[in-house]
Protein backbone atom coordinates (compact mmCIF):
# COMPACT_ATOMS: atom_id res chain seq x y z
CA UNK A 1 0.00 0.00 0.00
CA UNK A 2 1.35 3.43 -0.89
CA UNK A 3 1.75 6.18 1.69
CA UNK A 4 -1.13 8.09 0.07
CA UNK A 5 -3.44 5.06 0.29
CA UNK A 6 -2.42 4.41 3.90
CA UNK A 7 -3.13 8.05 4.76
CA UNK A 8 -6.67 7.69 3.37
CA UNK A 9 -7.26 4.52 5.41
CA UNK A 10 -6.04 6.30 8.56
CA UNK A 11 -8.33 9.28 7.85
CA UNK A 12 -11.27 6.87 7.44
CA UNK A 13 -10.43 5.33 10.83
CA UNK A 14 -10.41 8.80 12.39
CA UNK A 15 -13.69 9.81 10.77
CA UNK A 16 -15.36 6.58 11.90
CA UNK A 17 -14.91 7.66 15.53
CA UNK A 18 -15.88 11.31 14.92
CA UNK A 19 -12.39 12.79 15.26
CA UNK A 20 -12.33 16.55 14.77
CA UNK A 21 -10.05 18.88 12.84
CA UNK A 22 -8.41 16.16 10.72
CA UNK A 23 -5.37 17.40 8.84
CA UNK A 24 -3.14 15.64 6.29
CA UNK A 25 0.36 17.08 6.10
CA UNK A 26 2.44 16.18 3.04
CA UNK A 27 6.08 16.24 4.17
CA UNK A 28 7.61 14.64 1.06
CA UNK A 29 9.17 17.88 -0.20
CA UNK A 30 10.65 18.89 3.14
CA UNK A 31 14.32 18.09 3.57
CA UNK A 32 15.09 15.73 6.47
CA UNK A 33 11.42 15.05 7.24
CA UNK A 34 10.82 12.02 9.43
CA UNK A 35 7.97 10.64 7.32
CA UNK A 36 6.09 11.22 4.05
CA UNK A 37 2.83 12.18 5.74
CA UNK A 38 1.48 13.20 9.14
CA UNK A 39 -2.24 12.68 9.74
CA UNK A 40 -3.38 14.70 12.76
CA UNK A 41 -6.72 14.81 14.54
CA UNK A 42 -8.29 15.82 17.84
CA UNK A 43 -10.58 14.04 20.25
CA UNK A 44 -12.70 15.35 23.11
CA UNK A 45 -11.73 12.80 25.76
CA UNK A 46 -9.14 10.17 26.55
CA UNK A 47 -11.79 7.54 25.80
CA UNK A 48 -12.39 9.01 22.35
CA UNK A 49 -8.71 9.26 21.41
CA UNK A 50 -8.22 5.63 22.42
CA UNK A 51 -11.25 4.64 20.30
CA UNK A 52 -9.81 6.60 17.35
CA UNK A 53 -6.49 4.79 17.76
CA UNK A 54 -8.22 1.40 17.85
CA UNK A 55 -10.29 2.32 14.78
CA UNK A 56 -7.17 3.28 12.82
CA UNK A 57 -5.51 -0.04 13.68
CA UNK A 58 -8.62 -1.99 12.62
CA UNK A 59 -8.96 -0.09 9.34
CA UNK A 60 -5.29 -0.49 8.43
CA UNK A 61 -5.34 -4.24 9.15
CA UNK A 62 -8.62 -4.59 7.18
CA UNK A 63 -6.97 -2.81 4.23
CA UNK A 64 -4.22 -5.42 4.23
CA UNK A 65 -1.43 -3.63 6.06
CA UNK A 66 -0.02 -4.43 9.49
CA UNK A 67 0.13 -3.00 12.97
CA UNK A 68 2.10 0.20 13.42
CA UNK A 69 5.87 -0.14 13.56
CA UNK A 70 5.69 1.82 16.81
CA UNK A 71 2.91 3.25 18.94
CA UNK A 72 3.19 5.56 21.94
CA UNK A 73 0.91 7.36 24.36
CA UNK A 74 -1.86 4.82 24.91
CA UNK A 75 -1.21 4.92 28.66
CA UNK A 76 -1.29 8.69 29.11
CA UNK A 77 -4.06 9.21 26.52
CA UNK A 78 -3.15 12.85 25.85
CA UNK A 79 -1.37 12.28 22.54
CA UNK A 80 -1.30 8.89 20.84
CA UNK A 81 1.30 8.52 18.11
CA UNK A 82 1.03 5.64 15.64
CA UNK A 83 4.11 5.27 13.42
CA UNK A 84 3.56 3.39 10.18
CA UNK A 85 7.01 4.58 8.95
CA UNK A 86 5.87 6.47 5.81
CA UNK A 87 2.76 7.78 7.58
CA UNK A 88 2.53 8.88 11.20
CA UNK A 89 -0.87 9.36 12.84
CA UNK A 90 -1.14 11.83 15.74
CA UNK A 91 -4.28 11.71 17.89
CA UNK A 92 -4.48 14.55 20.39
CA UNK A 93 -6.72 15.80 23.13
CA UNK A 94 -7.70 19.25 21.83
CA UNK A 95 -5.72 21.25 24.40
CA UNK A 96 -2.58 19.14 23.91
CA UNK A 97 -2.72 19.64 20.15
CA UNK A 98 -2.78 23.40 20.63
CA UNK A 99 0.12 23.18 23.09
CA UNK A 100 2.40 21.13 20.80
CA UNK A 101 1.44 22.92 17.56
CA UNK A 102 2.71 20.34 15.05
CA UNK A 103 1.12 22.21 12.17
CA UNK A 104 3.26 25.24 13.07
CA UNK A 105 6.45 23.20 13.51
CA UNK A 106 6.05 21.70 10.03
CA UNK A 107 4.70 24.89 8.46
CA UNK A 108 6.34 24.20 5.07
CA UNK A 109 4.19 21.08 4.58
CA UNK A 110 1.28 21.03 2.16
CA UNK A 111 -1.76 20.83 4.43
CA UNK A 112 -5.16 19.41 3.52
CA UNK A 113 -8.09 19.73 5.94
CA UNK A 114 -10.84 17.12 6.33
CA UNK A 115 -14.16 17.48 8.13
């Protein structure tokens, strides 16, 4: 599966659990970027961000890919990061997303907004 296709599957997993402010950041033209794409969303509660994370995993496996290479934050449930190497999903509590400001840090990325 290409990075673009994987990004779409991840976005579908986010939308399935009513994630808000979904953003796709294309990092392919940024020198020394850590991944091809970031997919970022917000949730209203720790329960919701965990459900979004689970939904992403289910959708990716259903689409024929595997579990993330690395996943962090499921214990703290403020910011869950799911690293699929070419695509990294970031699931934030709203206030944590504002605090970390990934969109600002990677401001040169091409950004597409969903929902």
